[in-house]
Amino acid sequence: KLADTVAWGLLPLFLAQRGLPVSQIAWVSGVYGAA
């Protein structure tokens, strides 16, 4: 669940800091959830 906190909390921030748009951030998290 610490890893879940990373996936749903920190990962969007991490990717946004690197210039990824919201739609692509959602797909990265979505691929994690789908796999």
PDB file of all heavy atoms in Angstrom:
ATOM      1  N   LYS A   1       0.815  -1.210   0.000  1.00  0.00           N
ATOM      2  CA  LYS A   1       0.000   0.000   0.000  1.00  0.00           C
ATOM      3  C   LYS A   1       0.852   1.266   0.000  1.00  0.00           C
ATOM      4  O   LYS A   1       0.402   2.322  -0.450  1.00  0.00           O
ATOM      5  CB  LYS A   1      -0.966  -0.005   1.187  1.00  0.00           C
ATOM      6  CG  LYS A   1      -2.083  -1.024   1.020  1.00  0.00           C
ATOM      7  CD  LYS A   1      -2.840  -0.816  -0.295  1.00  0.00           C
ATOM      8  CE  LYS A   1      -3.910  -1.858  -0.512  1.00  0.00           C
ATOM      9  NZ  LYS A   1      -4.543  -1.731  -1.856  1.00  0.00           N
ATOM     10  N   LEU A   2       2.080   1.176   0.491  1.00  0.00           N
ATOM     11  CA  LEU A   2       3.002   2.295   0.270  1.00  0.00           C
ATOM     12  C   LEU A   2       3.236   2.480  -1.228  1.00  0.00           C
ATOM     13  O   LEU A   2       3.287   3.611  -1.730  1.00  0.00           O
ATOM     14  CB  LEU A   2       4.337   2.031   0.974  1.00  0.00           C
ATOM     15  CG  LEU A   2       4.344   2.009   2.501  1.00  0.00           C
ATOM     16  CD1 LEU A   2       5.766   1.749   3.007  1.00  0.00           C
ATOM     17  CD2 LEU A   2       3.810   3.302   3.085  1.00  0.00           C
ATOM     18  N   ALA A   3       3.359   1.354  -1.945  1.00  0.00           N
ATOM     19  CA  ALA A   3       3.523   1.444  -3.399  1.00  0.00           C
ATOM     20  C   ALA A   3       2.283   2.033  -4.048  1.00  0.00           C
ATOM     21  O   ALA A   3       2.379   2.794  -5.026  1.00  0.00           O
ATOM     22  CB  ALA A   3       3.823   0.061  -3.971  1.00  0.00           C
ATOM     23  N   ASP A   4       1.109   1.694  -3.540  1.00  0.00           N
ATOM     24  CA  ASP A   4      -0.124   2.300  -4.040  1.00  0.00           C
ATOM     25  C   ASP A   4      -0.124   3.811  -3.829  1.00  0.00           C
ATOM     26  O   ASP A   4      -0.592   4.574  -4.676  1.00  0.00           O
ATOM     27  CB  ASP A   4      -1.331   1.702  -3.308  1.00  0.00           C
ATOM     28  CG  ASP A   4      -2.063   0.692  -4.169  1.00  0.00           C
ATOM     29  OD1 ASP A   4      -1.592   0.427  -5.281  1.00  0.00           O
ATOM     30  OD2 ASP A   4      -3.091   0.188  -3.723  1.00  0.00           O
ATOM     31  N   THR A   5       0.372   4.243  -2.670  1.00  0.00           N
ATOM     32  CA  THR A   5       0.455   5.680  -2.402  1.00  0.00           C
ATOM     33  C   THR A   5       1.348   6.360  -3.427  1.00  0.00           C
ATOM     34  O   THR A   5       1.065   7.475  -3.874  1.00  0.00           O
ATOM     35  CB  THR A   5       0.985   5.932  -0.977  1.00  0.00           C
ATOM     36  OG1 THR A   5       0.181   5.206  -0.043  1.00  0.00           O
ATOM     37  CG2 THR A   5       0.947   7.398  -0.628  1.00  0.00           C
ATOM     38  N   VAL A   6       2.421   5.687  -3.805  1.00  0.00           N
ATOM     39  CA  VAL A   6       3.282   6.212  -4.870  1.00  0.00           C
ATOM     40  C   VAL A   6       2.504   6.309  -6.174  1.00  0.00           C
ATOM     41  O   VAL A   6       2.523   7.342  -6.860  1.00  0.00           O
ATOM     42  CB  VAL A   6       4.528   5.316  -5.048  1.00  0.00           C
ATOM     43  CG1 VAL A   6       5.263   5.673  -6.346  1.00  0.00           C
ATOM     44  CG2 VAL A   6       5.469   5.460  -3.862  1.00  0.00           C
ATOM     45  N   ALA A   7       1.787   5.235  -6.523  1.00  0.00           N
ATOM     46  CA  ALA A   7       1.108   5.183  -7.821  1.00  0.00           C
ATOM     47  C   ALA A   7       0.026   6.242  -7.950  1.00  0.00           C
ATOM     48  O   ALA A   7      -0.104   6.891  -8.990  1.00  0.00           O
ATOM     49  CB  ALA A   7       0.509   3.791  -8.034  1.00  0.00           C
ATOM     50  N   TRP A   8      -0.777   6.430  -6.908  1.00  0.00           N
ATOM     51  CA  TRP A   8      -1.916   7.339  -7.014  1.00  0.00           C
ATOM     52  C   TRP A   8      -1.614   8.729  -6.466  1.00  0.00           C
ATOM     53  O   TRP A   8      -2.349   9.675  -6.757  1.00  0.00           O
ATOM     54  CB  TRP A   8      -3.129   6.761  -6.291  1.00  0.00           C
ATOM     55  CG  TRP A   8      -3.412   5.334  -6.646  1.00  0.00           C
ATOM     56  CD1 TRP A   8      -3.533   4.287  -5.779  1.00  0.00           C
ATOM     57  CD2 TRP A   8      -3.589   4.776  -7.945  1.00  0.00           C
ATOM     58  NE1 TRP A   8      -3.777   3.126  -6.459  1.00  0.00           N
ATOM     59  CE2 TRP A   8      -3.814   3.387  -7.793  1.00  0.00           C
ATOM     60  CE3 TRP A   8      -3.576   5.308  -9.234  1.00  0.00           C
ATOM     61  CZ2 TRP A   8      -4.024   2.527  -8.859  1.00  0.00           C
ATOM     62  CZ3 TRP A   8      -3.779   4.449 -10.299  1.00  0.00           C
ATOM     63  CH2 TRP A   8      -4.007   3.091 -10.116  1.00  0.00           C
ATOM     64  N   GLY A   9      -0.558   8.872  -5.664  1.00  0.00           N
ATOM     65  CA  GLY A   9      -0.253  10.174  -5.080  1.00  0.00           C
ATOM     66  C   GLY A   9       0.987  10.831  -5.655  1.00  0.00           C
ATOM     67  O   GLY A   9       0.942  11.955  -6.159  1.00  0.00           O
ATOM     68  N   LEU A  10       2.124  10.115  -5.589  1.00  0.00           N
ATOM     69  CA  LEU A  10       3.390  10.724  -5.994  1.00  0.00           C
ATOM     70  C   LEU A  10       3.654  10.629  -7.491  1.00  0.00           C
ATOM     71  O   LEU A  10       4.247  11.540  -8.071  1.00  0.00           O
ATOM     72  CB  LEU A  10       4.552  10.061  -5.237  1.00  0.00           C
ATOM     73  CG  LEU A  10       4.631  10.318  -3.739  1.00  0.00           C
ATOM     74  CD1 LEU A  10       5.890   9.667  -3.170  1.00  0.00           C
ATOM     75  CD2 LEU A  10       4.639  11.814  -3.441  1.00  0.00           C
ATOM     76  N   LEU A  11       3.246   9.524  -8.126  1.00  0.00           N
ATOM     77  CA  LEU A  11       3.544   9.367  -9.547  1.00  0.00           C
ATOM     78  C   LEU A  11       2.957  10.489 -10.402  1.00  0.00           C
ATOM     79  O   LEU A  11       3.668  11.026 -11.279  1.00  0.00           O
ATOM     80  CB  LEU A  11       3.052   8.000 -10.037  1.00  0.00           C
ATOM     81  CG  LEU A  11       3.288   7.701 -11.517  1.00  0.00           C
ATOM     82  CD1 LEU A  11       4.777   7.754 -11.850  1.00  0.00           C
ATOM     83  CD2 LEU A  11       2.695   6.344 -11.898  1.00  0.00           C
ATOM     84  N   PRO A  12       1.688  10.892 -10.202  1.00  0.00           N
ATOM     85  CA  PRO A  12       1.190  12.021 -10.992  1.00  0.00           C
ATOM     86  C   PRO A  12       2.011  13.294 -10.789  1.00  0.00           C
ATOM     87  O   PRO A  12       2.267  14.032 -11.755  1.00  0.00           O
ATOM     88  CB  PRO A  12      -0.245  12.199 -10.486  1.00  0.00           C
ATOM     89  CG  PRO A  12      -0.636  10.842  -9.999  1.00  0.00           C
ATOM     90  CD  PRO A  12       0.612  10.276  -9.388  1.00  0.00           C
ATOM     91  N   LEU A  13       2.436  13.548  -9.540  1.00  0.00           N
ATOM     92  CA  LEU A  13       3.272  14.729  -9.290  1.00  0.00           C
ATOM     93  C   LEU A  13       4.623  14.595  -9.987  1.00  0.00           C
ATOM     94  O   LEU A  13       5.129  15.539 -10.592  1.00  0.00           O
ATOM     95  CB  LEU A  13       3.475  14.916  -7.791  1.00  0.00           C
ATOM     96  CG  LEU A  13       2.230  15.245  -6.964  1.00  0.00           C
ATOM     97  CD1 LEU A  13       2.583  15.275  -5.480  1.00  0.00           C
ATOM     98  CD2 LEU A  13       1.631  16.576  -7.400  1.00  0.00           C
ATOM     99  N   PHE A  14       5.225  13.406  -9.870  1.00  0.00           N
ATOM    100  CA  PHE A  14       6.524  13.143 -10.488  1.00  0.00           C
ATOM    101  C   PHE A  14       6.472  13.370 -11.995  1.00  0.00           C
ATOM    102  O   PHE A  14       7.353  14.019 -12.587  1.00  0.00           O
ATOM    103  CB  PHE A  14       6.939  11.706 -10.163  1.00  0.00           C
ATOM    104  CG  PHE A  14       8.187  11.237 -10.838  1.00  0.00           C
ATOM    105  CD1 PHE A  14       9.432  11.572 -10.328  1.00  0.00           C
ATOM    106  CD2 PHE A  14       8.124  10.442 -11.979  1.00  0.00           C
ATOM    107  CE1 PHE A  14      10.595  11.122 -10.948  1.00  0.00           C
ATOM    108  CE2 PHE A  14       9.274   9.996 -12.602  1.00  0.00           C
ATOM    109  CZ  PHE A  14      10.518  10.340 -12.087  1.00  0.00           C
ATOM    110  N   LEU A  15       5.425  12.840 -12.649  1.00  0.00           N
ATOM    111  CA  LEU A  15       5.310  12.983 -14.101  1.00  0.00           C
ATOM    112  C   LEU A  15       4.942  14.405 -14.510  1.00  0.00           C
ATOM    113  O   LEU A  15       5.419  14.906 -15.543  1.00  0.00           O
ATOM    114  CB  LEU A  15       4.272  11.998 -14.635  1.00  0.00           C
ATOM    115  CG  LEU A  15       4.611  10.509 -14.452  1.00  0.00           C
ATOM    116  CD1 LEU A  15       3.461   9.638 -14.928  1.00  0.00           C
ATOM    117  CD2 LEU A  15       5.896  10.152 -15.187  1.00  0.00           C
ATOM    118  N   ALA A  16       4.117  15.068 -13.700  1.00  0.00           N
ATOM    119  CA  ALA A  16       3.775  16.456 -14.008  1.00  0.00           C
ATOM    120  C   ALA A  16       5.009  17.352 -13.918  1.00  0.00           C
ATOM    121  O   ALA A  16       5.170  18.280 -14.719  1.00  0.00           O
ATOM    122  CB  ALA A  16       2.695  16.953 -13.049  1.00  0.00           C
ATOM    123  N   GLN A  17       5.882  17.069 -12.958  1.00  0.00           N
ATOM    124  CA  GLN A  17       7.119  17.836 -12.840  1.00  0.00           C
ATOM    125  C   GLN A  17       8.011  17.675 -14.061  1.00  0.00           C
ATOM    126  O   GLN A  17       8.861  18.520 -14.330  1.00  0.00           O
ATOM    127  CB  GLN A  17       7.880  17.409 -11.581  1.00  0.00           C
ATOM    128  CG  GLN A  17       7.211  17.835 -10.287  1.00  0.00           C
ATOM    129  CD  GLN A  17       7.794  17.124  -9.073  1.00  0.00           C
ATOM    130  OE1 GLN A  17       8.646  16.229  -9.198  1.00  0.00           O
ATOM    131  NE2 GLN A  17       7.342  17.507  -7.893  1.00  0.00           N
ATOM    132  N   ARG A  18       7.813  16.591 -14.804  1.00  0.00           N
ATOM    133  CA  ARG A  18       8.612  16.335 -16.000  1.00  0.00           C
ATOM    134  C   ARG A  18       7.870  16.701 -17.269  1.00  0.00           C
ATOM    135  O   ARG A  18       8.270  16.315 -18.370  1.00  0.00           O
ATOM    136  CB  ARG A  18       9.056  14.875 -16.003  1.00  0.00           C
ATOM    137  CG  ARG A  18      10.231  14.666 -15.054  1.00  0.00           C
ATOM    138  CD  ARG A  18      10.268  13.305 -14.417  1.00  0.00           C
ATOM    139  NE  ARG A  18      11.397  13.233 -13.479  1.00  0.00           N
ATOM    140  CZ  ARG A  18      11.367  13.751 -12.245  1.00  0.00           C
ATOM    141  NH1 ARG A  18      10.294  14.370 -11.802  1.00  0.00           N
ATOM    142  NH2 ARG A  18      12.428  13.659 -11.457  1.00  0.00           N
ATOM    143  N   GLY A  19       6.774  17.450 -17.116  1.00  0.00           N
ATOM    144  CA  GLY A  19       6.100  18.039 -18.258  1.00  0.00           C
ATOM    145  C   GLY A  19       5.059  17.185 -18.936  1.00  0.00           C
ATOM    146  O   GLY A  19       4.568  17.561 -20.013  1.00  0.00           O
ATOM    147  N   LEU A  20       4.678  16.055 -18.353  1.00  0.00           N
ATOM    148  CA  LEU A  20       3.678  15.205 -18.980  1.00  0.00           C
ATOM    149  C   LEU A  20       2.290  15.808 -18.782  1.00  0.00           C
ATOM    150  O   LEU A  20       1.945  16.224 -17.672  1.00  0.00           O
ATOM    151  CB  LEU A  20       3.740  13.802 -18.363  1.00  0.00           C
ATOM    152  CG  LEU A  20       3.476  12.617 -19.305  1.00  0.00           C
ATOM    153  CD1 LEU A  20       4.505  12.592 -20.426  1.00  0.00           C
ATOM    154  CD2 LEU A  20       3.517  11.311 -18.520  1.00  0.00           C
ATOM    155  N   PRO A  21       1.462  15.873 -19.816  1.00  0.00           N
ATOM    156  CA  PRO A  21       0.098  16.410 -19.656  1.00  0.00           C
ATOM    157  C   PRO A  21      -0.785  15.457 -18.857  1.00  0.00           C
ATOM    158  O   PRO A  21      -0.491  14.270 -18.721  1.00  0.00           O
ATOM    159  CB  PRO A  21      -0.394  16.557 -21.101  1.00  0.00           C
ATOM    160  CG  PRO A  21       0.416  15.586 -21.888  1.00  0.00           C
ATOM    161  CD  PRO A  21       1.763  15.530 -21.226  1.00  0.00           C
ATOM    162  N   VAL A  22      -1.902  15.987 -18.376  1.00  0.00           N
ATOM    163  CA  VAL A  22      -2.793  15.217 -17.508  1.00  0.00           C
ATOM    164  C   VAL A  22      -3.284  13.941 -18.192  1.00  0.00           C
ATOM    165  O   VAL A  22      -3.344  12.871 -17.574  1.00  0.00           O
ATOM    166  CB  VAL A  22      -3.989  16.090 -17.071  1.00  0.00           C
ATOM    167  CG1 VAL A  22      -5.045  15.242 -16.368  1.00  0.00           C
ATOM    168  CG2 VAL A  22      -3.517  17.203 -16.151  1.00  0.00           C
ATOM    169  N   SER A  23      -3.640  14.019 -19.462  1.00  0.00           N
ATOM    170  CA  SER A  23      -4.172  12.843 -20.154  1.00  0.00           C
ATOM    171  C   SER A  23      -3.153  11.707 -20.199  1.00  0.00           C
ATOM    172  O   SER A  23      -3.487  10.531 -20.007  1.00  0.00           O
ATOM    173  CB  SER A  23      -4.608  13.212 -21.575  1.00  0.00           C
ATOM    174  OG  SER A  23      -3.514  13.717 -22.322  1.00  0.00           O
ATOM    175  N   GLN A  24      -1.885  12.046 -20.434  1.00  0.00           N
ATOM    176  CA  GLN A  24      -0.850  11.012 -20.488  1.00  0.00           C
ATOM    177  C   GLN A  24      -0.506  10.483 -19.096  1.00  0.00           C
ATOM    178  O   GLN A  24      -0.212   9.294 -18.935  1.00  0.00           O
ATOM    179  CB  GLN A  24       0.396  11.564 -21.188  1.00  0.00           C
ATOM    180  CG  GLN A  24       0.181  11.812 -22.671  1.00  0.00           C
ATOM    181  CD  GLN A  24       1.449  12.249 -23.385  1.00  0.00           C
ATOM    182  OE1 GLN A  24       2.434  12.642 -22.777  1.00  0.00           O
ATOM    183  NE2 GLN A  24       1.426  12.187 -24.711  1.00  0.00           N
ATOM    184  N   ILE A  25      -0.538  11.343 -18.095  1.00  0.00           N
ATOM    185  CA  ILE A  25      -0.341  10.879 -16.720  1.00  0.00           C
ATOM    186  C   ILE A  25      -1.401   9.840 -16.367  1.00  0.00           C
ATOM    187  O   ILE A  25      -1.112   8.797 -15.768  1.00  0.00           O
ATOM    188  CB  ILE A  25      -0.393  12.058 -15.735  1.00  0.00           C
ATOM    189  CG1 ILE A  25       0.822  12.972 -15.931  1.00  0.00           C
ATOM    190  CG2 ILE A  25      -0.454  11.564 -14.282  1.00  0.00           C
ATOM    191  CD1 ILE A  25       0.755  14.249 -15.124  1.00  0.00           C
ATOM    192  N   ALA A  26      -2.641  10.112 -16.753  1.00  0.00           N
ATOM    193  CA  ALA A  26      -3.731   9.177 -16.470  1.00  0.00           C
ATOM    194  C   ALA A  26      -3.502   7.840 -17.164  1.00  0.00           C
ATOM    195  O   ALA A  26      -3.788   6.774 -16.593  1.00  0.00           O
ATOM    196  CB  ALA A  26      -5.058   9.776 -16.904  1.00  0.00           C
ATOM    197  N   TRP A  27      -2.972   7.869 -18.382  1.00  0.00           N
ATOM    198  CA  TRP A  27      -2.720   6.610 -19.084  1.00  0.00           C
ATOM    199  C   TRP A  27      -1.583   5.823 -18.439  1.00  0.00           C
ATOM    200  O   TRP A  27      -1.630   4.586 -18.379  1.00  0.00           O
ATOM    201  CB  TRP A  27      -2.417   6.872 -20.554  1.00  0.00           C
ATOM    202  CG  TRP A  27      -3.667   6.977 -21.378  1.00  0.00           C
ATOM    203  CD1 TRP A  27      -4.230   8.100 -21.897  1.00  0.00           C
ATOM    204  CD2 TRP A  27      -4.520   5.899 -21.750  1.00  0.00           C
ATOM    205  NE1 TRP A  27      -5.384   7.807 -22.568  1.00  0.00           N
ATOM    206  CE2 TRP A  27      -5.594   6.457 -22.502  1.00  0.00           C
ATOM    207  CE3 TRP A  27      -4.513   4.524 -21.531  1.00  0.00           C
ATOM    208  CZ2 TRP A  27      -6.625   5.671 -23.028  1.00  0.00           C
ATOM    209  CZ3 TRP A  27      -5.539   3.742 -22.052  1.00  0.00           C
ATOM    210  CH2 TRP A  27      -6.569   4.325 -22.785  1.00  0.00           C
ATOM    211  N   VAL A  28      -0.549   6.493 -17.950  1.00  0.00           N
ATOM    212  CA  VAL A  28       0.536   5.782 -17.247  1.00  0.00           C
ATOM    213  C   VAL A  28      -0.020   5.085 -16.013  1.00  0.00           C
ATOM    214  O   VAL A  28       0.228   3.894 -15.776  1.00  0.00           O
ATOM    215  CB  VAL A  28       1.676   6.747 -16.869  1.00  0.00           C
ATOM    216  CG1 VAL A  28       2.715   6.036 -15.990  1.00  0.00           C
ATOM    217  CG2 VAL A  28       2.356   7.296 -18.116  1.00  0.00           C
ATOM    218  N   SER A  29      -0.792   5.827 -15.206  1.00  0.00           N
ATOM    219  CA  SER A  29      -1.408   5.214 -14.032  1.00  0.00           C
ATOM    220  C   SER A  29      -2.416   4.141 -14.437  1.00  0.00           C
ATOM    221  O   SER A  29      -2.542   3.110 -13.765  1.00  0.00           O
ATOM    222  CB  SER A  29      -2.102   6.287 -13.187  1.00  0.00           C
ATOM    223  OG  SER A  29      -1.166   7.181 -12.618  1.00  0.00           O
ATOM    224  N   GLY A  30      -3.130   4.376 -15.545  1.00  0.00           N
ATOM    225  CA  GLY A  30      -4.097   3.392 -16.016  1.00  0.00           C
ATOM    226  C   GLY A  30      -3.447   2.097 -16.453  1.00  0.00           C
ATOM    227  O   GLY A  30      -3.980   1.009 -16.212  1.00  0.00           O
ATOM    228  N   VAL A  31      -2.287   2.181 -17.102  1.00  0.00           N
ATOM    229  CA  VAL A  31      -1.565   0.967 -17.505  1.00  0.00           C
ATOM    230  C   VAL A  31      -1.120   0.181 -16.278  1.00  0.00           C
ATOM    231  O   VAL A  31      -1.213  -1.057 -16.243  1.00  0.00           O
ATOM    232  CB  VAL A  31      -0.354   1.338 -18.394  1.00  0.00           C
ATOM    233  CG1 VAL A  31       0.615   0.167 -18.512  1.00  0.00           C
ATOM    234  CG2 VAL A  31      -0.835   1.754 -19.776  1.00  0.00           C
ATOM    235  N   TYR A  32      -0.646   0.888 -15.262  1.00  0.00           N
ATOM    236  CA  TYR A  32      -0.291   0.238 -13.991  1.00  0.00           C
ATOM    237  C   TYR A  32      -1.494  -0.521 -13.432  1.00  0.00           C
ATOM    238  O   TYR A  32      -1.401  -1.710 -13.089  1.00  0.00           O
ATOM    239  CB  TYR A  32       0.199   1.308 -13.021  1.00  0.00           C
ATOM    240  CG  TYR A  32       0.314   0.878 -11.572  1.00  0.00           C
ATOM    241  CD1 TYR A  32       1.375   0.085 -11.147  1.00  0.00           C
ATOM    242  CD2 TYR A  32      -0.619   1.281 -10.629  1.00  0.00           C
ATOM    243  CE1 TYR A  32       1.496  -0.295  -9.814  1.00  0.00           C
ATOM    244  CE2 TYR A  32      -0.518   0.916  -9.299  1.00  0.00           C
ATOM    245  CZ  TYR A  32       0.550   0.130  -8.898  1.00  0.00           C
ATOM    246  OH  TYR A  32       0.654  -0.239  -7.578  1.00  0.00           O
ATOM    247  N   GLY A  33      -2.643   0.149 -13.353  1.00  0.00           N
ATOM    248  CA  GLY A  33      -3.835  -0.491 -12.825  1.00  0.00           C
ATOM    249  C   GLY A  33      -4.344  -1.620 -13.704  1.00  0.00           C
ATOM    250  O   GLY A  33      -4.812  -2.652 -13.210  1.00  0.00           O
ATOM    251  N   ALA A  34      -4.259  -1.457 -15.022  1.00  0.00           N
ATOM    252  CA  ALA A  34      -4.753  -2.479 -15.937  1.00  0.00           C
ATOM    253  C   ALA A  34      -3.889  -3.733 -15.896  1.00  0.00           C
ATOM    254  O   ALA A  34      -4.412  -4.866 -15.913  1.00  0.00           O
ATOM    255  CB  ALA A  34      -4.805  -1.919 -17.357  1.00  0.00           C
ATOM    256  N   ALA A  35      -2.558  -3.564 -15.861  1.00  0.00           N
ATOM    257  CA  ALA A  35      -1.677  -4.726 -15.754  1.00  0.00           C
ATOM    258  C   ALA A  35      -1.915  -5.459 -14.439  1.00  0.00           C
ATOM    259  O   ALA A  35      -1.940  -6.697 -14.384  1.00  0.00           O
ATOM    260  CB  ALA A  35      -0.218  -4.284 -15.857  1.00  0.00           C
TER     261      ALA A  35
END
